[in-house]
Amino acid sequence: MATTTGATMLIDSSECTKYFFFPRDSNPYADIAPGIKGRCTVKDVACANGVVCKCTMVQAEVPCGYTIIHFHGNGELVESYLEEPPPACLHQFFNSIGLTTVFFEYRGYGPNRSSRDKLAITPALEDITNLLSTFHLQEDKVIVFGRSLGSLFALKLVSKHPKIAGLILDSGVASVCSVWGEAFEGHVDVAQLKEEEARHLGQISSISAYQGPALIMQAVDDRLVPFEQNARVLFKSHAESGVASGTPVPPPTQNTSPGVTLTTSTPPSPTTQLAAFDKGDHNYIYLANVESYHSIIKDFVTTHCGVVIPATESPTSSSSTTPQSRSEGGCLLC
């Protein structure tokens, strides 16, 4: 059974890393997404120990003044998002409401292949330290979006920049053991792993400390990241964080529309929303709910994050191209 050896923490061991990350190569960014090529800027984000993460900014055509930083899942690439066809195209949706997008690419992934031998979760999370300064971003004009494993990076970023305007988590991970527990059983010391997760990843402490608005989205039928142990826990941790100890937490409100239930915290709780989608699963939450997924995000950023959509919205494609899956595939990917 794997335990801590020497200076290496269990959570950074190869036994854990092989489940947390699934790096792969990509094409050069210059050769993809010709429709947005003129609006793309690739910059090197300097990280510790000589690691460099190449990240991509897609400038909004009619900017609203806010930037959304996107952290993808562990089996995805930034390239996957840049080459998506409409209508299931996140950067095009963000562009349509005036948001400039920064896609963060992890060490070891795509153009960052040279750092693959340095891949481990705690140093990788620190790679976001210089992200805002590299792209000259003002934290109160930034919204952070983390999908699946990317939620760990999103939560780390708001812990470093508490004035960030908004936090969006898609299929966020509150507990790595709830996701990979069966794989770890018998191979790693789970008790030690839970202790290291709380101390070094700190998802619950990070979302509890962040007092800005948070939107948590997940498919109820997510078999990889269980809804109750993750989305529900993240919602509760954030919603209760602004209520004084010993004070009853006011019940949230619920609004049910076809395919999705939106639960919203009640003051004095910080603004917290939980969108529970009836359709889709971990890999298909977006493709199964494109219209409502977009609508909920648009309402969240305009109502709670200060975004004012430009009077002339940026153009969106009317293409009827069938959405293509960027499914992460394997049963332990997230």
Protein backbone atom coordinates (compact mmCIF):
# COMPACT_ATOMS: atom_id res chain seq x y z
CA MET A 1 0.00 0.00 0.00
CA ALA A 2 1.39 3.40 -1.00
CA THR A 3 2.17 5.86 1.81
CA THR A 4 4.31 8.97 2.12
CA THR A 5 7.98 8.31 1.44
CA GLY A 6 10.64 10.90 2.11
CA ALA A 7 9.65 14.40 1.04
CA THR A 8 7.02 13.23 -1.45
CA MET A 9 3.45 13.44 -0.27
CA LEU A 10 1.11 10.58 -1.01
CA ILE A 11 -1.19 12.87 -2.97
CA ASP A 12 1.73 13.68 -5.31
CA SER A 13 2.84 10.07 -5.72
CA SER A 14 2.71 8.31 -9.06
CA GLU A 15 -0.03 6.06 -7.66
CA CYS A 16 -2.35 9.08 -7.31
CA THR A 17 -1.07 11.14 -10.24
CA LYS A 18 -1.97 8.43 -12.75
CA TYR A 19 -5.63 8.91 -11.80
CA PHE A 20 -5.61 12.70 -11.46
CA PHE A 21 -4.03 13.48 -14.85
CA PHE A 22 -4.30 12.08 -18.38
CA PRO A 23 -1.93 14.29 -20.40
CA ARG A 24 -1.72 14.02 -24.16
CA ASP A 25 -0.23 15.91 -27.07
CA SER A 26 -2.01 18.44 -29.26
CA ASN A 27 -1.54 20.26 -32.53
CA PRO A 28 0.15 23.66 -32.49
CA TYR A 29 -2.43 26.29 -31.58
CA ALA A 30 -1.56 28.27 -34.71
CA ASP A 31 -2.94 25.46 -36.87
CA ILE A 32 -6.40 25.29 -35.32
CA ALA A 33 -9.51 27.41 -34.94
CA PRO A 34 -8.97 29.63 -38.01
CA GLY A 35 -12.19 31.51 -37.22
CA ILE A 36 -10.72 32.90 -34.01
CA LYS A 37 -7.05 32.91 -34.94
CA GLY A 38 -6.93 36.70 -35.17
CA ARG A 39 -8.33 37.03 -31.64
CA CYS A 40 -6.05 34.44 -30.02
CA THR A 41 -2.98 35.29 -27.96
CA VAL A 42 -0.79 32.52 -26.54
CA LYS A 43 1.36 33.48 -23.56
CA ASP A 44 3.84 31.61 -21.39
CA VAL A 45 2.86 31.56 -17.72
CA ALA A 46 6.03 31.19 -15.67
CA CYS A 47 5.73 28.57 -12.93
CA ALA A 48 8.07 27.13 -10.31
CA ASN A 49 11.12 24.97 -11.09
CA GLY A 50 11.43 26.16 -14.66
CA VAL A 51 7.98 24.95 -15.71
CA VAL A 52 6.16 27.07 -18.30
CA CYS A 53 2.46 26.70 -19.11
CA LYS A 54 1.33 28.01 -22.48
CA CYS A 55 -2.17 29.47 -22.10
CA THR A 56 -4.50 31.02 -24.66
CA MET A 57 -6.55 34.20 -24.52
CA VAL A 58 -9.49 34.55 -26.93
CA GLN A 59 -10.40 38.24 -27.07
CA ALA A 60 -14.10 39.07 -27.21
CA GLU A 61 -15.14 40.87 -30.39
CA VAL A 62 -17.29 43.33 -28.40
CA PRO A 63 -15.77 43.12 -24.90
CA CYS A 64 -17.83 43.77 -21.78
CA GLY A 65 -14.71 44.38 -19.67
CA TYR A 66 -14.67 41.00 -17.92
CA THR A 67 -12.50 37.94 -18.56
CA ILE A 68 -13.43 34.35 -17.79
CA ILE A 69 -10.59 31.97 -16.95
CA HIS A 70 -11.34 28.37 -17.90
CA PHE A 71 -9.79 25.21 -16.41
CA HIS A 72 -10.72 22.03 -18.30
CA GLY A 73 -11.15 18.41 -17.15
CA ASN A 74 -8.27 15.99 -16.80
CA GLY A 75 -8.89 14.12 -20.05
CA GLU A 76 -9.37 17.25 -22.16
CA LEU A 77 -7.14 19.82 -23.84
CA VAL A 78 -7.48 23.54 -24.49
CA GLU A 79 -7.37 22.58 -28.16
CA SER A 80 -10.64 20.65 -27.68
CA TYR A 81 -12.40 23.87 -26.73
CA LEU A 82 -10.83 26.05 -29.41
CA GLU A 83 -11.90 23.77 -32.27
CA GLU A 84 -15.45 23.02 -31.12
CA PRO A 85 -18.18 23.57 -33.72
CA PRO A 86 -21.29 25.58 -32.85
CA PRO A 87 -23.74 25.49 -31.20
CA ALA A 88 -21.92 23.60 -28.40
CA CYS A 89 -19.00 26.00 -28.31
CA LEU A 90 -18.09 27.64 -25.02
CA HIS A 91 -15.69 30.28 -26.29
CA GLN A 92 -18.26 31.36 -28.88
CA PHE A 93 -20.92 31.60 -26.17
CA PHE A 94 -18.60 33.64 -23.94
CA ASN A 95 -17.80 35.87 -26.91
CA SER A 96 -21.52 36.40 -27.56
CA ILE A 97 -21.96 38.01 -24.12
CA GLY A 98 -18.74 40.03 -24.30
CA LEU A 99 -16.48 37.82 -22.20
CA THR A 100 -12.84 37.45 -23.18
CA THR A 101 -11.69 33.91 -22.36
CA VAL A 102 -8.37 32.66 -21.03
CA PHE A 103 -7.93 28.90 -21.40
CA PHE A 104 -5.35 27.53 -18.97
CA GLU A 105 -3.36 24.51 -20.15
CA TYR A 106 -1.85 22.27 -17.48
CA ARG A 107 1.79 21.27 -17.20
CA GLY A 108 2.43 18.14 -19.27
CA TYR A 109 -0.58 18.74 -21.53
CA GLY A 110 -0.56 19.73 -25.21
CA PRO A 111 2.14 22.33 -25.89
CA ASN A 112 3.44 21.90 -22.32
CA ARG A 113 4.64 18.36 -23.01
CA SER A 114 8.18 19.05 -21.80
CA SER A 115 6.98 19.26 -18.18
CA ARG A 116 5.14 15.93 -18.24
CA ASP A 117 7.73 14.31 -15.96
CA LYS A 118 6.98 17.00 -13.35
CA LEU A 119 3.26 16.30 -13.23
CA ALA A 120 1.80 16.08 -9.72
CA ILE A 121 -1.24 17.74 -8.23
CA THR A 122 0.15 20.12 -5.60
CA PRO A 123 2.88 21.73 -7.76
CA ALA A 124 0.44 21.85 -10.70
CA LEU A 125 -2.05 23.83 -8.62
CA GLU A 126 0.63 26.42 -7.88
CA ASP A 127 1.13 26.98 -11.62
CA ILE A 128 -1.76 29.47 -11.53
CA THR A 129 0.17 31.87 -9.26
CA ASN A 130 1.27 34.23 -12.08
CA LEU A 131 -1.77 33.74 -14.31
CA LEU A 132 -3.53 37.05 -13.69
CA SER A 133 -0.35 39.11 -13.91
CA THR A 134 0.76 37.38 -17.13
CA PHE A 135 -2.45 38.45 -18.88
CA HIS A 136 -2.65 41.80 -16.99
CA LEU A 137 -6.02 40.98 -15.45
CA GLN A 138 -7.70 42.86 -12.60
CA GLU A 139 -9.14 40.31 -10.19
CA ASP A 140 -12.51 42.02 -9.68
CA LYS A 141 -13.01 41.83 -13.46
CA VAL A 142 -12.32 38.10 -13.59
CA ILE A 143 -14.75 35.17 -13.45
CA VAL A 144 -13.27 31.71 -12.88
CA PHE A 145 -14.66 28.53 -14.43
CA GLY A 146 -13.48 25.06 -13.42
CA ARG A 147 -14.73 21.83 -14.96
CA SER A 148 -14.28 18.58 -13.04
CA LEU A 149 -10.61 18.31 -12.00
CA GLY A 150 -10.33 21.91 -13.20
CA SER A 151 -12.45 22.89 -10.19
CA LEU A 152 -9.37 22.31 -8.00
CA PHE A 153 -7.49 24.94 -10.03
CA ALA A 154 -10.45 27.34 -9.97
CA LEU A 155 -10.76 27.05 -6.20
CA LYS A 156 -7.02 27.53 -5.76
CA LEU A 157 -7.23 30.71 -7.85
CA VAL A 158 -10.06 32.25 -5.80
CA SER A 159 -8.15 31.39 -2.62
CA LYS A 160 -5.28 33.51 -3.93
CA HIS A 161 -7.52 36.25 -5.35
CA PRO A 162 -10.58 36.60 -3.08
CA LYS A 163 -11.94 39.65 -4.93
CA ILE A 164 -12.58 37.61 -8.09
CA ALA A 165 -16.00 38.57 -9.43
CA GLY A 166 -17.51 35.09 -9.70
CA LEU A 167 -16.84 31.36 -9.51
CA ILE A 168 -18.43 28.71 -11.76
CA LEU A 169 -17.88 25.00 -11.18
CA ASP A 170 -19.04 22.35 -13.63
CA SER A 171 -19.00 18.87 -12.04
CA GLY A 172 -16.64 20.12 -9.36
CA VAL A 173 -14.66 17.81 -7.09
CA ALA A 174 -15.22 18.34 -3.36
CA SER A 175 -13.54 15.05 -2.44
CA VAL A 176 -11.00 13.16 -4.53
CA CYS A 177 -11.75 10.01 -2.55
CA SER A 178 -15.43 10.19 -3.54
CA VAL A 179 -14.27 10.11 -7.18
CA TRP A 180 -11.32 7.74 -7.11
CA GLY A 181 -11.95 5.91 -3.81
CA GLU A 182 -12.52 2.49 -5.36
CA ALA A 183 -9.36 2.78 -7.43
CA PHE A 184 -7.36 3.84 -4.38
CA GLU A 185 -8.72 1.16 -2.05
CA GLY A 186 -6.00 -1.32 -1.16
CA HIS A 187 -3.36 0.69 -3.04
CA VAL A 188 -2.99 3.87 -1.00
CA ASP A 189 -3.57 4.91 2.59
CA VAL A 190 -6.96 6.59 2.13
CA ALA A 191 -6.95 8.19 5.60
CA GLN A 192 -3.61 9.82 4.87
CA LEU A 193 -4.84 10.91 1.45
CA LYS A 194 -7.90 12.61 2.93
CA GLU A 195 -5.71 14.47 5.42
CA GLU A 196 -3.35 15.65 2.66
CA GLU A 197 -6.30 16.67 0.48
CA ALA A 198 -7.75 18.87 3.21
CA ARG A 199 -4.35 20.43 3.96
CA HIS A 200 -2.93 20.91 0.47
CA LEU A 201 -5.85 20.94 -1.98
CA GLY A 202 -8.34 22.56 0.39
CA GLN A 203 -11.45 22.64 -1.80
CA ILE A 204 -13.84 23.04 1.12
CA SER A 205 -11.76 25.66 2.93
CA SER A 206 -11.27 27.60 -0.32
CA ILE A 207 -14.96 27.74 -1.28
CA SER A 208 -15.93 28.53 2.32
CA ALA A 209 -13.48 31.45 2.47
CA TYR A 210 -14.55 32.89 -0.88
CA GLN A 211 -17.41 35.34 -0.35
CA GLY A 212 -18.09 36.19 -3.98
CA PRO A 213 -20.96 34.63 -5.95
CA ALA A 214 -20.66 30.95 -6.87
CA LEU A 215 -22.53 28.82 -9.40
CA ILE A 216 -22.23 25.04 -9.08
CA MET A 217 -23.52 22.93 -11.98
CA GLN A 218 -23.75 19.17 -12.23
CA ALA A 219 -25.76 16.39 -13.84
CA VAL A 220 -27.69 14.46 -11.21
CA ASP A 221 -26.79 11.22 -13.01
CA ASP A 222 -23.03 11.87 -12.88
CA ARG A 223 -21.50 8.44 -12.18
CA LEU A 224 -17.88 9.64 -12.02
CA VAL A 225 -18.23 12.59 -9.62
CA PRO A 226 -21.17 11.69 -7.35
CA PHE A 227 -23.65 14.55 -7.07
CA GLU A 228 -24.43 14.37 -3.35
CA GLN A 229 -20.78 14.09 -2.20
CA ASN A 230 -19.56 16.85 -4.47
CA ALA A 231 -22.02 19.41 -5.91
CA ARG A 232 -24.25 19.30 -2.84
CA VAL A 233 -21.27 19.61 -0.48
CA LEU A 234 -19.75 22.53 -2.42
CA PHE A 235 -23.11 24.34 -2.46
CA LYS A 236 -23.64 23.84 1.27
CA SER A 237 -20.07 24.85 2.17
CA HIS A 238 -20.32 28.13 0.29
CA ALA A 239 -23.90 28.98 1.22
CA GLU A 240 -23.28 28.48 4.94
CA SER A 241 -19.93 30.29 5.03
CA GLY A 242 -21.40 33.77 5.49
CA VAL A 243 -23.80 32.84 8.28
CA ALA A 244 -22.65 33.53 11.84
CA SER A 245 -21.96 30.52 14.01
CA GLY A 246 -25.07 29.43 15.88
CA THR A 247 -27.36 31.30 13.50
CA PRO A 248 -29.84 29.15 11.57
CA VAL A 249 -29.08 28.99 7.86
CA PRO A 250 -32.08 30.35 5.95
CA PRO A 251 -33.60 27.82 3.55
CA PRO A 252 -32.70 28.29 -0.12
CA THR A 253 -35.21 28.91 -2.87
CA GLN A 254 -35.82 26.54 -5.77
CA ASN A 255 -36.83 27.19 -9.34
CA THR A 256 -37.60 24.16 -11.49
CA SER A 257 -37.71 24.41 -15.28
CA PRO A 258 -37.66 21.61 -17.87
CA GLY A 259 -34.51 19.58 -17.35
CA VAL A 260 -32.93 21.59 -14.55
CA THR A 261 -33.55 22.63 -10.94
CA LEU A 262 -31.87 25.84 -9.79
CA THR A 263 -31.39 26.22 -6.04
CA THR A 264 -30.34 29.66 -4.75
CA SER A 265 -29.13 30.59 -1.28
CA THR A 266 -30.99 33.18 0.79
CA PRO A 267 -29.29 36.19 2.48
CA PRO A 268 -27.27 36.54 4.65
CA SER A 269 -25.65 33.59 2.89
CA PRO A 270 -23.29 34.60 0.07
CA THR A 271 -24.87 34.20 -3.34
CA THR A 272 -24.70 30.49 -4.14
CA GLN A 273 -26.53 28.67 -6.90
CA LEU A 274 -26.78 24.95 -7.61
CA ALA A 275 -27.95 23.91 -11.08
CA ALA A 276 -28.92 20.23 -11.07
CA PHE A 277 -29.41 18.92 -14.62
CA ASP A 278 -31.71 15.96 -15.23
CA LYS A 279 -30.16 15.14 -18.60
CA GLY A 280 -26.61 14.10 -19.38
CA ASP A 281 -23.87 12.72 -17.18
CA HIS A 282 -20.30 13.66 -16.35
CA ASN A 283 -19.02 13.78 -19.93
CA TYR A 284 -22.25 14.94 -21.56
CA ILE A 285 -23.62 17.55 -19.16
CA TYR A 286 -22.86 20.31 -21.66
CA LEU A 287 -23.91 18.61 -24.87
CA ALA A 288 -27.17 17.40 -23.32
CA ASN A 289 -28.10 20.84 -21.95
CA VAL A 290 -26.51 23.45 -24.22
CA GLU A 291 -29.36 25.96 -24.18
CA SER A 292 -30.11 25.84 -20.45
CA TYR A 293 -26.39 25.60 -19.61
CA HIS A 294 -25.74 28.83 -21.51
CA SER A 295 -28.84 30.53 -20.08
CA ILE A 296 -27.95 29.78 -16.45
CA ILE A 297 -24.38 31.06 -16.87
CA LYS A 298 -25.58 34.20 -18.67
CA ASP A 299 -28.07 34.99 -15.91
CA PHE A 300 -25.46 34.30 -13.21
CA VAL A 301 -22.74 36.57 -14.61
CA THR A 302 -25.15 39.42 -15.41
CA THR A 303 -27.18 39.24 -12.20
CA HIS A 304 -24.46 38.46 -9.68
CA CYS A 305 -21.00 39.20 -11.17
CA GLY A 306 -21.48 42.69 -12.59
CA VAL A 307 -21.31 41.78 -16.27
CA VAL A 308 -23.23 44.14 -18.56
CA ILE A 309 -23.65 42.64 -22.00
CA PRO A 310 -22.66 45.12 -24.72
CA ALA A 311 -25.62 46.79 -26.43
CA THR A 312 -24.52 45.18 -29.67
CA GLU A 313 -23.86 41.57 -28.75
CA SER A 314 -20.98 39.86 -30.45
CA PRO A 315 -21.98 37.76 -33.44
CA THR A 316 -22.85 34.12 -32.92
CA SER A 317 -22.90 31.45 -35.55
CA SER A 318 -26.23 30.19 -36.81
CA SER A 319 -24.60 26.97 -37.98
CA SER A 320 -26.59 23.85 -37.33
CA THR A 321 -23.50 21.67 -37.11
CA THR A 322 -24.17 18.70 -34.87
CA PRO A 323 -22.35 19.15 -31.55
CA GLN A 324 -19.33 16.90 -31.27
CA SER A 325 -18.45 15.24 -27.99
CA ARG A 326 -15.22 16.13 -26.26
CA SER A 327 -15.98 13.22 -23.90
CA GLU A 328 -13.16 12.33 -21.61
CA GLY A 329 -13.78 8.70 -22.28
CA GLY A 330 -12.39 6.42 -19.58
CA CYS A 331 -14.34 5.65 -16.44
CA LEU A 332 -11.95 7.46 -14.10
CA LEU A 333 -11.51 10.59 -16.16
CA CYS A 334 -12.95 13.82 -14.93
